[in-house]
C-alpha atoms as a PDB file:
ATOM      1  CA  UNK A   1      59.259  50.839  38.567  1.00  0.00           C
ATOM      2  CA  UNK A   2      62.533  52.649  38.989  1.00  0.00           C
ATOM      3  CA  UNK A   3      61.630  56.075  37.554  1.00  0.00           C
ATOM      4  CA  UNK A   4      59.850  58.974  39.188  1.00  0.00           C
ATOM      5  CA  UNK A   5      56.082  59.506  39.139  1.00  0.00           C
ATOM      6  CA  UNK A   6      56.077  61.299  35.754  1.00  0.00           C
ATOM      7  CA  UNK A   7      58.230  58.606  34.131  1.00  0.00           C
ATOM      8  CA  UNK A   8      56.152  55.817  35.654  1.00  0.00           C
ATOM      9  CA  UNK A   9      52.886  57.379  34.473  1.00  0.00           C
ATOM     10  CA  UNK A  10      54.182  57.403  30.874  1.00  0.00           C
ATOM     11  CA  UNK A  11      55.318  53.785  31.250  1.00  0.00           C
ATOM     12  CA  UNK A  12      51.896  52.819  32.600  1.00  0.00           C
ATOM     13  CA  UNK A  13      50.067  54.598  29.774  1.00  0.00           C
ATOM     14  CA  UNK A  14      52.315  52.964  27.169  1.00  0.00           C
ATOM     15  CA  UNK A  15      51.833  49.557  28.790  1.00  0.00           C
ATOM     16  CA  UNK A  16      48.068  49.965  28.398  1.00  0.00           C
ATOM     17  CA  UNK A  17      48.376  50.924  24.724  1.00  0.00           C
ATOM     18  CA  UNK A  18      50.319  47.713  24.059  1.00  0.00           C
ATOM     19  CA  UNK A  19      47.875  45.595  26.086  1.00  0.00           C
ATOM     20  CA  UNK A  20      44.868  47.103  24.332  1.00  0.00           C
ATOM     21  CA  UNK A  21      46.426  46.051  21.025  1.00  0.00           C
ATOM     22  CA  UNK A  22      46.873  42.449  22.188  1.00  0.00           C
ATOM     23  CA  UNK A  23      50.544  42.495  23.195  1.00  0.00           C
ATOM     24  CA  UNK A  24      51.921  40.632  26.193  1.00  0.00           C
ATOM     25  CA  UNK A  25      53.671  43.332  28.245  1.00  0.00           C
ATOM     26  CA  UNK A  26      56.407  43.243  30.883  1.00  0.00           C
ATOM     27  CA  UNK A  27      57.799  46.223  32.775  1.00  0.00           C
ATOM     28  CA  UNK A  28      61.334  46.549  34.132  1.00  0.00           C
ATOM     29  CA  UNK A  29      62.146  43.574  31.940  1.00  0.00           C
ATOM     30  CA  UNK A  30      65.570  41.955  32.234  1.00  0.00           C
ATOM     31  CA  UNK A  31      66.772  41.031  28.751  1.00  0.00           C
ATOM     32  CA  UNK A  32      69.832  38.909  28.041  1.00  0.00           C
ATOM     33  CA  UNK A  33      71.323  38.128  24.657  1.00  0.00           C
ATOM     34  CA  UNK A  34      74.752  36.524  24.566  1.00  0.00           C
ATOM     35  CA  UNK A  35      77.050  39.047  26.301  1.00  0.00           C
ATOM     36  CA  UNK A  36      74.426  41.803  26.683  1.00  0.00           C
ATOM     37  CA  UNK A  37      72.284  42.120  29.787  1.00  0.00           C
ATOM     38  CA  UNK A  38      69.987  45.120  29.996  1.00  0.00           C
ATOM     39  CA  UNK A  39      66.681  46.223  31.447  1.00  0.00           C
ATOM     40  CA  UNK A  40      63.878  47.831  29.470  1.00  0.00           C
ATOM     41  CA  UNK A  41      61.047  49.930  30.874  1.00  0.00           C
ATOM     42  CA  UNK A  42      58.671  47.939  28.674  1.00  0.00           C
ATOM     43  CA  UNK A  43      59.158  44.723  26.744  1.00  0.00           C
ATOM     44  CA  UNK A  44      56.194  43.680  24.602  1.00  0.00           C
ATOM     45  CA  UNK A  45      55.689  40.420  22.690  1.00  0.00           C
ATOM     46  CA  UNK A  46      53.166  39.396  20.064  1.00  0.00           C
ATOM     47  CA  UNK A  47      53.224  36.786  17.290  1.00  0.00           C
ATOM     48  CA  UNK A  48      56.939  35.963  17.621  1.00  0.00           C
ATOM     49  CA  UNK A  49      57.858  39.685  17.576  1.00  0.00           C
ATOM     50  CA  UNK A  50      59.233  41.823  20.381  1.00  0.00           C
ATOM     51  CA  UNK A  51      59.572  45.538  20.972  1.00  0.00           C
ATOM     52  CA  UNK A  52      61.513  47.114  23.816  1.00  0.00           C
ATOM     53  CA  UNK A  53      60.603  50.600  25.008  1.00  0.00           C
ATOM     54  CA  UNK A  54      62.489  53.087  27.093  1.00  0.00           C
ATOM     55  CA  UNK A  55      60.804  56.180  28.483  1.00  0.00           C
ATOM     56  CA  UNK A  56      63.299  59.011  28.584  1.00  0.00           C
ATOM     57  CA  UNK A  57      62.553  62.276  30.355  1.00  0.00           C
ATOM     58  CA  UNK A  58      66.084  63.581  29.647  1.00  0.00           C
ATOM     59  CA  UNK A  59      68.710  62.833  26.988  1.00  0.00           C
ATOM     60  CA  UNK A  60      71.152  61.532  29.609  1.00  0.00           C
ATOM     61  CA  UNK A  61      70.829  57.769  28.849  1.00  0.00           C
ATOM     62  CA  UNK A  62      69.753  57.842  25.205  1.00  0.00           C
ATOM     63  CA  UNK A  63      72.936  56.628  23.576  1.00  0.00           C
ATOM     64  CA  UNK A  64      73.700  53.874  26.057  1.00  0.00           C
ATOM     65  CA  UNK A  65      70.153  52.497  25.796  1.00  0.00           C
ATOM     66  CA  UNK A  66      70.261  52.593  21.992  1.00  0.00           C
ATOM     67  CA  UNK A  67      73.648  50.857  21.946  1.00  0.00           C
ATOM     68  CA  UNK A  68      72.499  48.127  24.343  1.00  0.00           C
ATOM     69  CA  UNK A  69      69.336  47.486  22.354  1.00  0.00           C
ATOM     70  CA  UNK A  70      71.260  47.313  19.096  1.00  0.00           C
ATOM     71  CA  UNK A  71      73.840  44.919  20.602  1.00  0.00           C
ATOM     72  CA  UNK A  72      70.996  42.785  21.956  1.00  0.00           C
ATOM     73  CA  UNK A  73      69.292  42.743  18.553  1.00  0.00           C
ATOM     74  CA  UNK A  74      66.019  44.208  19.847  1.00  0.00           C
ATOM     75  CA  UNK A  75      63.839  46.879  18.258  1.00  0.00           C
ATOM     76  CA  UNK A  76      63.829  49.881  20.604  1.00  0.00           C
ATOM     77  CA  UNK A  77      61.166  52.554  20.746  1.00  0.00           C
ATOM     78  CA  UNK A  78      62.217  55.526  22.831  1.00  0.00           C
ATOM     79  CA  UNK A  79      59.218  57.404  24.200  1.00  0.00           C
ATOM     80  CA  UNK A  80      59.810  61.037  25.170  1.00  0.00           C
ATOM     81  CA  UNK A  81      57.230  63.386  26.714  1.00  0.00           C
ATOM     82  CA  UNK A  82      57.781  66.610  24.718  1.00  0.00           C
ATOM     83  CA  UNK A  83      58.516  67.789  21.190  1.00  0.00           C
ATOM     84  CA  UNK A  84      61.565  69.628  22.494  1.00  0.00           C
ATOM     85  CA  UNK A  85      62.989  66.416  23.953  1.00  0.00           C
ATOM     86  CA  UNK A  86      62.070  64.598  20.746  1.00  0.00           C
ATOM     87  CA  UNK A  87      64.199  67.009  18.715  1.00  0.00           C
ATOM     88  CA  UNK A  88      67.055  66.922  21.249  1.00  0.00           C
ATOM     89  CA  UNK A  89      66.956  63.125  21.198  1.00  0.00           C
ATOM     90  CA  UNK A  90      67.098  62.970  17.419  1.00  0.00           C
ATOM     91  CA  UNK A  91      70.098  65.300  17.395  1.00  0.00           C
ATOM     92  CA  UNK A  92      71.821  63.297  20.146  1.00  0.00           C
ATOM     93  CA  UNK A  93      71.374  59.965  18.395  1.00  0.00           C
ATOM     94  CA  UNK A  94      71.893  61.180  14.832  1.00  0.00           C
ATOM     95  CA  UNK A  95      70.894  58.645  12.194  1.00  0.00           C
ATOM     96  CA  UNK A  96      69.012  55.963  14.034  1.00  0.00           C
ATOM     97  CA  UNK A  97      69.076  53.167  11.513  1.00  0.00           C
ATOM     98  CA  UNK A  98      66.660  50.255  11.509  1.00  0.00           C
ATOM     99  CA  UNK A  99      65.091  49.114  14.742  1.00  0.00           C
ATOM    100  CA  UNK A 100      65.319  52.347  16.747  1.00  0.00           C
ATOM    101  CA  UNK A 101      62.560  54.948  16.851  1.00  0.00           C
ATOM    102  CA  UNK A 102      61.874  58.014  18.954  1.00  0.00           C
ATOM    103  CA  UNK A 103      58.272  59.043  19.480  1.00  0.00           C
ATOM    104  CA  UNK A 104      55.872  61.015  21.618  1.00  0.00           C
ATOM    105  CA  UNK A 105      53.425  59.109  23.842  1.00  0.00           C
ATOM    106  CA  UNK A 106      50.416  60.170  21.775  1.00  0.00           C
ATOM    107  CA  UNK A 107      52.008  58.555  18.687  1.00  0.00           C
ATOM    108  CA  UNK A 108      52.486  55.116  20.224  1.00  0.00           C
ATOM    109  CA  UNK A 109      49.159  53.625  19.167  1.00  0.00           C
ATOM    110  CA  UNK A 110      49.559  54.858  15.591  1.00  0.00           C
ATOM    111  CA  UNK A 111      53.096  53.449  15.544  1.00  0.00           C
ATOM    112  CA  UNK A 112      51.815  50.066  16.708  1.00  0.00           C
ATOM    113  CA  UNK A 113      49.124  50.036  14.033  1.00  0.00           C
ATOM    114  CA  UNK A 114      51.714  50.858  11.356  1.00  0.00           C
ATOM    115  CA  UNK A 115      54.122  48.260  12.759  1.00  0.00           C
ATOM    116  CA  UNK A 116      51.412  45.613  12.667  1.00  0.00           C
ATOM    117  CA  UNK A 117      50.400  46.409   9.096  1.00  0.00           C
ATOM    118  CA  UNK A 118      53.900  46.565   7.680  1.00  0.00           C
ATOM    119  CA  UNK A 119      56.048  44.255   9.792  1.00  0.00           C
ATOM    120  CA  UNK A 120      53.820  41.725  11.470  1.00  0.00           C
ATOM    121  CA  UNK A 121      52.215  40.827   8.153  1.00  0.00           C
ATOM    122  CA  UNK A 122      55.502  40.254   6.343  1.00  0.00           C
ATOM    123  CA  UNK A 123      56.446  43.739   5.108  1.00  0.00           C
ATOM    124  CA  UNK A 124      59.437  45.891   5.912  1.00  0.00           C
ATOM    125  CA  UNK A 125      60.183  47.351   9.318  1.00  0.00           C
ATOM    126  CA  UNK A 126      57.943  50.266  10.228  1.00  0.00           C
ATOM    127  CA  UNK A 127      60.319  52.846  11.627  1.00  0.00           C
END
């Protein structure tokens, strides 16, 4: 993986959460949709659904990653390691709109459970 040890540990932990919930998981995944080519730290698939994840340890690339994911038409979950970075990220991105979420690593499993209940079974998006 391209990030440092701290970043890669969070990616690895998140990858395991997805796998334990039955998702097919790819890391450093190249995604192409029409004119958009991007890479995601994690790309997970299950039952015709896909979620892209970016682990951000700073706010430096937040907006560009959110814009690329939106242009590609992919749900993006941004995983940040601290509450402080969570709040900074929310301020930086403003209103996220559907398909983009920011969460702490310890909230990922709960988010997946909620996503499965509400979205995978025909309900609304679980953001």
